[in-house]
Amino acid sequence: MSDDKGFVLWFTGLSGSGKTTLATRLSEYFNNGGKKIEILDGDEIRKGLSKDLGFSKEDREKHNERVIYVAKLLARNGVITLVPLISPYREIREKARQEIDNFVEIYIRCPIDVLIKRDPKGLYKKALAGEITNLTGLQDTYEEPLNPDLVIDTDKHSIDESLRMIVDYLDGRGLLDGSKLAAVSDSKNS
């Protein structure tokens, strides 16, 4: 049996805040260190495991519960599990914390005006034009975390700075087993 600890990094924040970008870069970092890693991206899971669900509060909760279940299984089997998921409700994030050992909630925070400028998926433009009526954080509820384990302000910190903050936090919490993984890049690659 492997000595590797699995853990879950649950990235919460609004669309366009940088959750998936950070999870992807962190995955590359851990892969370079030879760790088992999986990304449970909310958009990708909606194409498969949750394709039967919409965006009502009840459907969002069901979607999140499915992700919690899969993340718990992966972490229990030694996999570092990265979950970039808006997960707008505190109650469901607290449920994830209670059910998953070695759970880390990372709030990827960014002001709405910056998100509207970034708008990588064009969602804010559609919402402001009335083409979308339930965009989280603009027309639908997003409950900011009250006590996240870590807060990353992506309007203030570069991707590399954000990665260093996450790795430093994990190391300080003992989740990296003292192993030194590949250095977090200082490059400007995105």
N, C-alpha and C. Protein backbone atom coordinates (compact mmCIF):
# COMPACT_ATOMS: atom_id res chain seq x y z
N MET A 1 0.84 -1.20 0.00
CA MET A 1 0.00 0.00 0.00
C MET A 1 0.87 1.25 0.00
N SER A 2 0.45 2.24 -0.73
CA SER A 2 1.22 3.48 -0.87
C SER A 2 1.14 4.32 0.40
N ASP A 3 2.23 5.03 0.69
CA ASP A 3 2.26 5.96 1.82
C ASP A 3 1.65 7.31 1.46
N ASP A 4 1.44 7.52 0.15
CA ASP A 4 0.95 8.82 -0.30
C ASP A 4 -0.43 9.12 0.27
N LYS A 5 -0.54 10.32 0.82
CA LYS A 5 -1.83 10.79 1.31
C LYS A 5 -2.59 11.42 0.16
N GLY A 6 -3.84 11.09 0.07
CA GLY A 6 -4.70 11.82 -0.85
C GLY A 6 -5.28 13.00 -0.11
N PHE A 7 -5.59 14.02 -0.84
CA PHE A 7 -6.28 15.17 -0.26
C PHE A 7 -7.07 15.85 -1.35
N VAL A 8 -7.99 16.70 -0.94
CA VAL A 8 -8.85 17.41 -1.88
C VAL A 8 -8.63 18.91 -1.73
N LEU A 9 -8.31 19.54 -2.85
CA LEU A 9 -8.26 21.00 -2.90
C LEU A 9 -9.52 21.44 -3.61
N TRP A 10 -10.41 22.08 -2.86
CA TRP A 10 -11.71 22.51 -3.38
C TRP A 10 -11.61 23.99 -3.70
N PHE A 11 -11.53 24.33 -5.00
CA PHE A 11 -11.41 25.71 -5.45
C PHE A 11 -12.82 26.26 -5.66
N THR A 12 -13.22 27.23 -4.86
CA THR A 12 -14.53 27.86 -5.02
C THR A 12 -14.32 29.32 -5.43
N GLY A 13 -15.23 29.82 -6.23
CA GLY A 13 -15.15 31.20 -6.68
C GLY A 13 -16.01 31.35 -7.92
N LEU A 14 -16.19 32.58 -8.33
CA LEU A 14 -17.07 32.87 -9.47
C LEU A 14 -16.44 32.46 -10.79
N SER A 15 -17.27 32.37 -11.81
CA SER A 15 -16.81 32.05 -13.16
C SER A 15 -15.77 33.08 -13.61
N GLY A 16 -14.66 32.60 -14.13
CA GLY A 16 -13.61 33.48 -14.62
C GLY A 16 -12.59 33.89 -13.57
N SER A 17 -12.76 33.44 -12.33
CA SER A 17 -11.84 33.86 -11.27
C SER A 17 -10.47 33.19 -11.36
N GLY A 18 -10.39 32.05 -12.03
CA GLY A 18 -9.10 31.38 -12.18
C GLY A 18 -9.02 30.00 -11.56
N LYS A 19 -10.15 29.45 -11.16
CA LYS A 19 -10.18 28.13 -10.50
C LYS A 19 -9.55 27.04 -11.37
N THR A 20 -10.03 26.91 -12.59
CA THR A 20 -9.54 25.85 -13.48
C THR A 20 -8.11 26.12 -13.90
N THR A 21 -7.77 27.36 -14.15
CA THR A 21 -6.39 27.71 -14.52
C THR A 21 -5.43 27.28 -13.43
N LEU A 22 -5.75 27.62 -12.18
CA LEU A 22 -4.87 27.24 -11.07
C LEU A 22 -4.84 25.73 -10.87
N ALA A 23 -5.98 25.07 -10.99
CA ALA A 23 -6.01 23.62 -10.83
C ALA A 23 -5.17 22.94 -11.90
N THR A 24 -5.25 23.42 -13.13
CA THR A 24 -4.48 22.83 -14.22
C THR A 24 -2.99 23.01 -13.99
N ARG A 25 -2.58 24.22 -13.62
CA ARG A 25 -1.16 24.47 -13.37
C ARG A 25 -0.67 23.67 -12.16
N LEU A 26 -1.50 23.56 -11.14
CA LEU A 26 -1.12 22.77 -9.96
C LEU A 26 -1.01 21.29 -10.32
N SER A 27 -1.88 20.83 -11.20
CA SER A 27 -1.81 19.45 -11.67
C SER A 27 -0.48 19.19 -12.36
N GLU A 28 -0.04 20.12 -13.21
CA GLU A 28 1.25 19.99 -13.87
C GLU A 28 2.38 19.93 -12.85
N TYR A 29 2.29 20.76 -11.84
CA TYR A 29 3.29 20.80 -10.77
C TYR A 29 3.37 19.45 -10.06
N PHE A 30 2.22 18.91 -9.67
CA PHE A 30 2.22 17.62 -8.97
C PHE A 30 2.62 16.48 -9.89
N ASN A 31 2.22 16.53 -11.16
CA ASN A 31 2.63 15.49 -12.11
C ASN A 31 4.15 15.46 -12.25
N ASN A 32 4.78 16.63 -12.27
CA ASN A 32 6.24 16.70 -12.33
C ASN A 32 6.88 16.06 -11.10
N GLY A 33 6.16 16.05 -10.01
CA GLY A 33 6.66 15.44 -8.78
C GLY A 33 6.28 13.98 -8.65
N GLY A 34 5.66 13.43 -9.68
CA GLY A 34 5.33 12.01 -9.67
C GLY A 34 4.14 11.63 -8.81
N LYS A 35 3.29 12.57 -8.49
CA LYS A 35 2.12 12.30 -7.65
C LYS A 35 0.93 11.86 -8.50
N LYS A 36 0.04 11.08 -7.89
CA LYS A 36 -1.23 10.73 -8.53
C LYS A 36 -2.18 11.91 -8.35
N ILE A 37 -2.75 12.36 -9.46
CA ILE A 37 -3.57 13.56 -9.39
C ILE A 37 -4.75 13.46 -10.35
N GLU A 38 -5.86 14.06 -9.94
CA GLU A 38 -7.05 14.08 -10.79
C GLU A 38 -7.72 15.45 -10.62
N ILE A 39 -8.21 15.99 -11.74
CA ILE A 39 -8.99 17.23 -11.70
C ILE A 39 -10.44 16.87 -11.93
N LEU A 40 -11.30 17.28 -11.03
CA LEU A 40 -12.75 17.11 -11.19
C LEU A 40 -13.34 18.47 -11.53
N ASP A 41 -13.23 18.84 -12.79
CA ASP A 41 -13.70 20.14 -13.24
C ASP A 41 -15.23 20.13 -13.36
N GLY A 42 -15.86 21.12 -12.76
CA GLY A 42 -17.32 21.20 -12.74
C GLY A 42 -17.94 21.16 -14.12
N ASP A 43 -17.36 21.90 -15.08
CA ASP A 43 -17.91 21.93 -16.44
C ASP A 43 -17.80 20.56 -17.10
N GLU A 44 -16.69 19.88 -16.89
CA GLU A 44 -16.49 18.56 -17.49
C GLU A 44 -17.42 17.52 -16.86
N ILE A 45 -17.61 17.59 -15.56
CA ILE A 45 -18.48 16.63 -14.88
C ILE A 45 -19.93 16.82 -15.32
N ARG A 46 -20.30 18.06 -15.63
CA ARG A 46 -21.66 18.32 -16.13
C ARG A 46 -21.90 17.65 -17.48
N LYS A 47 -20.84 17.39 -18.25
CA LYS A 47 -20.98 16.73 -19.55
C LYS A 47 -21.19 15.23 -19.41
N GLY A 48 -20.88 14.68 -18.26
CA GLY A 48 -20.99 13.23 -18.07
C GLY A 48 -21.85 12.88 -16.87
N LEU A 49 -21.23 12.87 -15.70
CA LEU A 49 -21.89 12.43 -14.47
C LEU A 49 -23.13 13.25 -14.12
N SER A 50 -23.14 14.50 -14.49
CA SER A 50 -24.27 15.37 -14.14
C SER A 50 -24.99 15.93 -15.36
N LYS A 51 -24.95 15.22 -16.47
CA LYS A 51 -25.58 15.75 -17.69
C LYS A 51 -27.10 15.82 -17.56
N ASP A 52 -27.66 15.15 -16.57
CA ASP A 52 -29.11 15.18 -16.35
C ASP A 52 -29.54 16.37 -15.49
N LEU A 53 -28.60 17.20 -15.06
CA LEU A 53 -28.92 18.29 -14.13
C LEU A 53 -28.84 19.65 -14.80
N GLY A 54 -29.70 20.54 -14.32
CA GLY A 54 -29.69 21.93 -14.79
C GLY A 54 -28.98 22.82 -13.78
N PHE A 55 -29.49 24.06 -13.62
CA PHE A 55 -28.82 25.03 -12.76
C PHE A 55 -29.73 25.57 -11.67
N SER A 56 -30.80 24.84 -11.36
CA SER A 56 -31.62 25.24 -10.21
C SER A 56 -30.80 24.99 -8.94
N LYS A 57 -31.23 25.55 -7.83
CA LYS A 57 -30.52 25.33 -6.56
C LYS A 57 -30.42 23.84 -6.26
N GLU A 58 -31.51 23.11 -6.45
CA GLU A 58 -31.53 21.68 -6.17
C GLU A 58 -30.57 20.92 -7.08
N ASP A 59 -30.56 21.27 -8.36
CA ASP A 59 -29.67 20.60 -9.31
C ASP A 59 -28.20 20.92 -9.01
N ARG A 60 -27.93 22.17 -8.65
CA ARG A 60 -26.55 22.53 -8.30
C ARG A 60 -26.10 21.73 -7.07
N GLU A 61 -26.99 21.58 -6.10
CA GLU A 61 -26.63 20.81 -4.90
C GLU A 61 -26.38 19.34 -5.25
N LYS A 62 -27.23 18.75 -6.09
CA LYS A 62 -27.02 17.36 -6.52
C LYS A 62 -25.68 17.21 -7.24
N HIS A 63 -25.39 18.14 -8.13
CA HIS A 63 -24.13 18.13 -8.87
C HIS A 63 -22.95 18.16 -7.90
N ASN A 64 -23.01 19.06 -6.93
CA ASN A 64 -21.94 19.18 -5.94
C ASN A 64 -21.82 17.92 -5.09
N GLU A 65 -22.94 17.32 -4.73
CA GLU A 65 -22.91 16.09 -3.93
C GLU A 65 -22.24 14.95 -4.71
N ARG A 66 -22.47 14.88 -6.01
CA ARG A 66 -21.82 13.86 -6.83
C ARG A 66 -20.31 14.08 -6.85
N VAL A 67 -19.91 15.34 -6.98
CA VAL A 67 -18.49 15.66 -7.00
C VAL A 67 -17.86 15.33 -5.64
N ILE A 68 -18.55 15.64 -4.56
CA ILE A 68 -18.04 15.30 -3.23
C ILE A 68 -17.79 13.80 -3.12
N TYR A 69 -18.73 13.01 -3.57
CA TYR A 69 -18.61 11.56 -3.49
C TYR A 69 -17.38 11.05 -4.25
N VAL A 70 -17.21 11.51 -5.48
CA VAL A 70 -16.08 11.07 -6.30
C VAL A 70 -14.77 11.56 -5.70
N ALA A 71 -14.72 12.82 -5.24
CA ALA A 71 -13.51 13.37 -4.64
C ALA A 71 -13.11 12.58 -3.40
N LYS A 72 -14.11 12.22 -2.59
CA LYS A 72 -13.84 11.45 -1.38
C LYS A 72 -13.23 10.09 -1.73
N LEU A 73 -13.76 9.43 -2.75
CA LEU A 73 -13.22 8.12 -3.18
C LEU A 73 -11.78 8.26 -3.66
N LEU A 74 -11.53 9.26 -4.48
CA LEU A 74 -10.18 9.45 -5.01
C LEU A 74 -9.18 9.73 -3.89
N ALA A 75 -9.52 10.68 -3.01
CA ALA A 75 -8.60 11.05 -1.93
C ALA A 75 -8.34 9.86 -1.01
N ARG A 76 -9.37 9.09 -0.75
CA ARG A 76 -9.24 7.91 0.11
C ARG A 76 -8.25 6.90 -0.48
N ASN A 77 -8.08 6.94 -1.80
CA ASN A 77 -7.18 6.03 -2.49
C ASN A 77 -5.86 6.69 -2.88
N GLY A 78 -5.49 7.75 -2.17
CA GLY A 78 -4.18 8.35 -2.32
C GLY A 78 -4.02 9.33 -3.46
N VAL A 79 -5.12 9.76 -4.05
CA VAL A 79 -5.05 10.66 -5.19
C VAL A 79 -5.22 12.11 -4.72
N ILE A 80 -4.34 12.97 -5.18
CA ILE A 80 -4.52 14.41 -4.96
C ILE A 80 -5.62 14.84 -5.91
N THR A 81 -6.71 15.36 -5.35
CA THR A 81 -7.90 15.66 -6.14
C THR A 81 -8.15 17.16 -6.12
N LEU A 82 -8.16 17.74 -7.30
CA LEU A 82 -8.37 19.17 -7.46
C LEU A 82 -9.78 19.38 -7.99
N VAL A 83 -10.55 20.21 -7.29
CA VAL A 83 -11.95 20.41 -7.64
C VAL A 83 -12.20 21.90 -7.91
N PRO A 84 -12.06 22.34 -9.18
CA PRO A 84 -12.43 23.72 -9.51
C PRO A 84 -13.93 23.77 -9.81
N LEU A 85 -14.69 24.25 -8.84
CA LEU A 85 -16.14 24.18 -8.91
C LEU A 85 -16.71 25.42 -8.24
N ILE A 86 -17.56 26.15 -8.93
CA ILE A 86 -18.13 27.37 -8.33
C ILE A 86 -18.69 27.06 -6.95
N SER A 87 -19.44 25.98 -6.82
CA SER A 87 -20.07 25.56 -5.56
C SER A 87 -20.54 26.77 -4.75
N PRO A 88 -21.66 27.36 -5.18
CA PRO A 88 -22.07 28.65 -4.63
C PRO A 88 -22.61 28.65 -3.20
N TYR A 89 -22.91 27.48 -2.65
CA TYR A 89 -23.57 27.45 -1.34
C TYR A 89 -22.64 26.97 -0.23
N ARG A 90 -22.57 27.75 0.84
CA ARG A 90 -21.73 27.39 2.00
C ARG A 90 -22.07 26.02 2.54
N GLU A 91 -23.35 25.72 2.62
CA GLU A 91 -23.80 24.46 3.21
C GLU A 91 -23.19 23.26 2.49
N ILE A 92 -23.14 23.29 1.17
CA ILE A 92 -22.61 22.16 0.43
C ILE A 92 -21.09 22.08 0.58
N ARG A 93 -20.42 23.24 0.65
CA ARG A 93 -18.97 23.22 0.87
C ARG A 93 -18.65 22.70 2.26
N GLU A 94 -19.50 23.02 3.23
CA GLU A 94 -19.30 22.50 4.58
C GLU A 94 -19.53 20.99 4.61
N LYS A 95 -20.49 20.52 3.84
CA LYS A 95 -20.73 19.08 3.73
C LYS A 95 -19.49 18.39 3.16
N ALA A 96 -18.88 19.00 2.15
CA ALA A 96 -17.65 18.44 1.57
C ALA A 96 -16.56 18.37 2.64
N ARG A 97 -16.41 19.43 3.41
CA ARG A 97 -15.40 19.47 4.48
C ARG A 97 -15.64 18.35 5.49
N GLN A 98 -16.89 18.12 5.84
CA GLN A 98 -17.22 17.09 6.84
C GLN A 98 -17.00 15.68 6.31
N GLU A 99 -17.25 15.48 5.03
CA GLU A 99 -17.18 14.12 4.47
C GLU A 99 -15.80 13.71 3.97
N ILE A 100 -14.95 14.67 3.67
CA ILE A 100 -13.67 14.36 3.04
C ILE A 100 -12.53 14.62 4.01
N ASP A 101 -11.72 13.58 4.23
CA ASP A 101 -10.50 13.76 5.02
C ASP A 101 -9.52 14.60 4.22
N ASN A 102 -8.69 15.37 4.90
CA ASN A 102 -7.68 16.20 4.23
C ASN A 102 -8.30 17.10 3.16
N PHE A 103 -9.34 17.81 3.56
CA PHE A 103 -10.07 18.74 2.70
C PHE A 103 -9.50 20.14 2.87
N VAL A 104 -9.26 20.83 1.76
CA VAL A 104 -8.75 22.20 1.80
C VAL A 104 -9.65 23.06 0.92
N GLU A 105 -10.30 24.05 1.53
CA GLU A 105 -11.14 24.98 0.77
C GLU A 105 -10.30 26.20 0.40
N ILE A 106 -10.20 26.44 -0.91
CA ILE A 106 -9.44 27.58 -1.41
C ILE A 106 -10.42 28.52 -2.12
N TYR A 107 -10.55 29.70 -1.58
CA TYR A 107 -11.44 30.71 -2.17
C TYR A 107 -10.64 31.49 -3.20
N ILE A 108 -11.02 31.34 -4.47
CA ILE A 108 -10.40 32.06 -5.57
C ILE A 108 -11.24 33.32 -5.77
N ARG A 109 -10.75 34.41 -5.22
CA ARG A 109 -11.52 35.65 -5.16
C ARG A 109 -11.07 36.64 -6.23
N CYS A 110 -12.06 37.30 -6.81
CA CYS A 110 -11.78 38.31 -7.83
C CYS A 110 -12.99 39.25 -7.90
N PRO A 111 -12.77 40.56 -7.95
CA PRO A 111 -13.89 41.50 -8.04
C PRO A 111 -14.70 41.30 -9.32
N ILE A 112 -15.99 41.52 -9.22
CA ILE A 112 -16.91 41.30 -10.35
C ILE A 112 -16.53 42.14 -11.57
N ASP A 113 -16.06 43.37 -11.37
CA ASP A 113 -15.69 44.20 -12.53
C ASP A 113 -14.51 43.60 -13.29
N VAL A 114 -13.58 42.97 -12.60
CA VAL A 114 -12.45 42.30 -13.25
C VAL A 114 -12.95 41.05 -13.98
N LEU A 115 -13.88 40.33 -13.35
CA LEU A 115 -14.43 39.12 -13.98
C LEU A 115 -15.18 39.48 -15.27
N ILE A 116 -15.90 40.58 -15.25
CA ILE A 116 -16.64 41.02 -16.44
C ILE A 116 -15.65 41.35 -17.56
N LYS A 117 -14.50 41.94 -17.23
CA LYS A 117 -13.49 42.24 -18.25
C LYS A 117 -12.83 40.96 -18.77
N ARG A 118 -12.53 40.02 -17.87
CA ARG A 118 -11.89 38.76 -18.28
C ARG A 118 -12.83 37.94 -19.15
N ASP A 119 -13.97 37.61 -18.60
CA ASP A 119 -15.06 36.88 -19.25
C ASP A 119 -14.61 35.85 -20.29
N PRO A 120 -13.80 34.85 -19.89
CA PRO A 120 -13.24 33.89 -20.85
C PRO A 120 -14.29 33.06 -21.59
N LYS A 121 -15.45 32.86 -21.00
CA LYS A 121 -16.49 32.05 -21.64
C LYS A 121 -17.61 32.91 -22.23
N GLY A 122 -17.51 34.23 -22.07
CA GLY A 122 -18.55 35.13 -22.58
C GLY A 122 -19.84 35.10 -21.78
N LEU A 123 -19.79 34.54 -20.58
CA LEU A 123 -21.00 34.39 -19.76
C LEU A 123 -21.51 35.73 -19.22
N TYR A 124 -20.58 36.58 -18.77
CA TYR A 124 -21.00 37.86 -18.20
C TYR A 124 -21.63 38.74 -19.29
N LYS A 125 -21.05 38.71 -20.48
CA LYS A 125 -21.61 39.48 -21.60
C LYS A 125 -23.04 39.02 -21.88
N LYS A 126 -23.23 37.68 -21.92
CA LYS A 126 -24.57 37.14 -22.17
C LYS A 126 -25.53 37.49 -21.03
N ALA A 127 -25.05 37.42 -19.79
CA ALA A 127 -25.91 37.75 -18.65
C ALA A 127 -26.30 39.22 -18.66
N LEU A 128 -25.36 40.09 -18.95
CA LEU A 128 -25.65 41.52 -18.98
C LEU A 128 -26.57 41.88 -20.13
N ALA A 129 -26.56 41.07 -21.19
CA ALA A 129 -27.46 41.29 -22.34
C ALA A 129 -28.82 40.60 -22.14
N GLY A 130 -28.98 39.90 -21.02
CA GLY A 130 -30.25 39.22 -20.75
C GLY A 130 -30.38 37.86 -21.41
N GLU A 131 -29.32 37.36 -22.03
CA GLU A 131 -29.38 36.04 -22.68
C GLU A 131 -29.26 34.90 -21.67
N ILE A 132 -28.66 35.18 -20.53
CA ILE A 132 -28.55 34.23 -19.42
C ILE A 132 -29.22 34.89 -18.22
N THR A 133 -30.01 34.13 -17.48
CA THR A 133 -30.73 34.75 -16.35
C THR A 133 -30.34 34.20 -14.99
N ASN A 134 -29.36 33.27 -14.95
CA ASN A 134 -29.04 32.67 -13.66
C ASN A 134 -27.53 32.57 -13.42
N LEU A 135 -26.77 33.56 -13.88
CA LEU A 135 -25.31 33.50 -13.72
C LEU A 135 -24.95 33.75 -12.26
N THR A 136 -24.26 32.79 -11.69
CA THR A 136 -23.86 32.87 -10.29
C THR A 136 -22.99 34.10 -10.05
N GLY A 137 -23.35 34.84 -9.01
CA GLY A 137 -22.59 36.02 -8.63
C GLY A 137 -23.12 37.30 -9.24
N LEU A 138 -23.89 37.16 -10.32
CA LEU A 138 -24.45 38.34 -10.97
C LEU A 138 -25.97 38.34 -10.78
N GLN A 139 -26.63 37.26 -11.22
CA GLN A 139 -28.08 37.16 -11.08
C GLN A 139 -28.50 36.06 -10.10
N ASP A 140 -27.56 35.23 -9.72
CA ASP A 140 -27.87 34.13 -8.81
C ASP A 140 -26.89 34.18 -7.63
N THR A 141 -27.27 33.55 -6.56
CA THR A 141 -26.54 33.61 -5.30
C THR A 141 -25.16 32.96 -5.36
N TYR A 142 -24.18 33.64 -4.77
CA TYR A 142 -22.89 33.04 -4.44
C TYR A 142 -22.59 33.44 -3.01
N GLU A 143 -22.50 32.46 -2.15
CA GLU A 143 -22.21 32.70 -0.74
C GLU A 143 -20.70 32.57 -0.53
N GLU A 144 -20.06 33.72 -0.30
CA GLU A 144 -18.61 33.71 -0.09
C GLU A 144 -18.27 32.85 1.11
N PRO A 145 -17.14 32.13 1.06
CA PRO A 145 -16.73 31.35 2.21
C PRO A 145 -16.47 32.24 3.42
N LEU A 146 -16.88 31.77 4.59
CA LEU A 146 -16.66 32.53 5.82
C LEU A 146 -15.29 32.24 6.40
N ASN A 147 -14.83 30.99 6.32
CA ASN A 147 -13.55 30.59 6.89
C ASN A 147 -12.80 29.64 5.97
N PRO A 148 -12.46 30.09 4.75
CA PRO A 148 -11.72 29.19 3.87
C PRO A 148 -10.32 28.93 4.43
N ASP A 149 -9.72 27.83 4.01
CA ASP A 149 -8.36 27.53 4.46
C ASP A 149 -7.36 28.49 3.84
N LEU A 150 -7.67 28.96 2.63
CA LEU A 150 -6.76 29.85 1.91
C LEU A 150 -7.59 30.74 0.99
N VAL A 151 -7.17 32.00 0.87
CA VAL A 151 -7.81 32.94 -0.06
C VAL A 151 -6.75 33.39 -1.06
N ILE A 152 -7.07 33.25 -2.34
CA ILE A 152 -6.18 33.70 -3.41
C ILE A 152 -6.91 34.81 -4.17
N ASP A 153 -6.35 36.01 -4.18
CA ASP A 153 -6.92 37.14 -4.92
C ASP A 153 -6.26 37.19 -6.29
N THR A 154 -6.96 36.66 -7.31
CA THR A 154 -6.34 36.53 -8.63
C THR A 154 -6.22 37.86 -9.36
N ASP A 155 -6.81 38.91 -8.85
CA ASP A 155 -6.59 40.23 -9.45
C ASP A 155 -5.32 40.86 -8.90
N LYS A 156 -4.76 40.28 -7.84
CA LYS A 156 -3.56 40.83 -7.20
C LYS A 156 -2.35 39.92 -7.33
N HIS A 157 -2.57 38.61 -7.44
CA HIS A 157 -1.47 37.64 -7.47
C HIS A 157 -1.39 36.97 -8.83
N SER A 158 -0.16 36.81 -9.32
CA SER A 158 0.05 36.09 -10.58
C SER A 158 -0.25 34.61 -10.36
N ILE A 159 -0.32 33.87 -11.44
CA ILE A 159 -0.54 32.42 -11.34
C ILE A 159 0.58 31.79 -10.52
N ASP A 160 1.84 32.16 -10.81
CA ASP A 160 2.96 31.57 -10.08
C ASP A 160 2.94 31.93 -8.60
N GLU A 161 2.60 33.17 -8.27
CA GLU A 161 2.49 33.57 -6.87
C GLU A 161 1.38 32.77 -6.19
N SER A 162 0.27 32.60 -6.88
CA SER A 162 -0.86 31.84 -6.33
C SER A 162 -0.46 30.39 -6.08
N LEU A 163 0.24 29.80 -7.04
CA LEU A 163 0.70 28.41 -6.87
C LEU A 163 1.63 28.28 -5.67
N ARG A 164 2.55 29.23 -5.52
CA ARG A 164 3.46 29.19 -4.37
C ARG A 164 2.68 29.27 -3.05
N MET A 165 1.66 30.12 -3.03
CA MET A 165 0.85 30.25 -1.81
C MET A 165 0.18 28.91 -1.47
N ILE A 166 -0.35 28.24 -2.48
CA ILE A 166 -1.03 26.96 -2.27
C ILE A 166 -0.05 25.90 -1.80
N VAL A 167 1.09 25.78 -2.49
CA VAL A 167 2.09 24.77 -2.12
C VAL A 167 2.63 25.04 -0.72
N ASP A 168 2.90 26.30 -0.40
CA ASP A 168 3.37 26.64 0.95
C ASP A 168 2.34 26.25 2.01
N TYR A 169 1.07 26.52 1.72
CA TYR A 169 0.01 26.14 2.66
C TYR A 169 -0.01 24.62 2.86
N LEU A 170 0.02 23.87 1.76
CA LEU A 170 -0.03 22.40 1.84
C LEU A 170 1.17 21.86 2.60
N ASP A 171 2.33 22.43 2.34
CA ASP A 171 3.55 22.00 3.03
C ASP A 171 3.42 22.28 4.52
N GLY A 172 2.93 23.47 4.86
CA GLY A 172 2.76 23.84 6.27
C GLY A 172 1.75 22.96 6.99
N ARG A 173 0.79 22.46 6.26
CA ARG A 173 -0.23 21.60 6.86
C ARG A 173 0.21 20.12 6.87
N GLY A 174 1.37 19.83 6.30
CA GLY A 174 1.90 18.48 6.30
C GLY A 174 1.30 17.56 5.25
N LEU A 175 0.64 18.12 4.26
CA LEU A 175 0.01 17.28 3.25
C LEU A 175 0.96 16.86 2.14
N LEU A 176 2.15 17.44 2.11
CA LEU A 176 3.11 17.06 1.08
C LEU A 176 4.12 16.04 1.60
N ASP A 177 3.93 15.53 2.81
CA ASP A 177 4.79 14.50 3.39
C ASP A 177 6.26 14.89 3.38
N GLY A 178 6.54 16.18 3.42
CA GLY A 178 7.92 16.63 3.46
C GLY A 178 8.66 16.44 2.14
N SER A 179 8.01 15.86 1.15
CA SER A 179 8.69 15.65 -0.13
C SER A 179 8.81 16.98 -0.86
N LYS A 180 9.92 17.15 -1.49
CA LYS A 180 10.12 18.36 -2.28
C LYS A 180 9.78 18.05 -3.72
N LEU A 181 8.74 18.70 -4.21
CA LEU A 181 8.34 18.52 -5.59
C LEU A 181 9.08 19.53 -6.44
N ALA A 182 8.88 19.44 -7.73
CA ALA A 182 9.53 20.37 -8.66
C ALA A 182 9.21 21.80 -8.23
N ALA A 183 10.16 22.66 -8.37
CA ALA A 183 9.98 24.06 -7.96
C ALA A 183 8.86 24.70 -8.76
N VAL A 184 8.09 25.52 -8.09
CA VAL A 184 7.04 26.27 -8.79
C VAL A 184 7.74 27.26 -9.69
N SER A 185 7.33 27.27 -10.94
CA SER A 185 7.99 28.08 -11.95
C SER A 185 7.87 29.57 -11.65
N ASP A 186 8.90 30.29 -11.98
CA ASP A 186 8.85 31.75 -11.91
C ASP A 186 8.58 32.34 -13.29
N SER A 187 8.32 31.45 -14.27
CA SER A 187 8.10 31.92 -15.63
C SER A 187 6.75 32.61 -15.73
N LYS A 188 6.54 33.29 -16.80
CA LYS A 188 5.27 33.98 -17.03
C LYS A 188 4.34 33.16 -17.90
N ASN A 189 4.61 31.86 -18.06
CA ASN A 189 3.73 31.00 -18.87
C ASN A 189 2.38 30.88 -18.21
N SER A 190 1.33 30.84 -19.00
CA SER A 190 -0.02 30.71 -18.46
C SER A 190 -0.65 29.45 -18.97
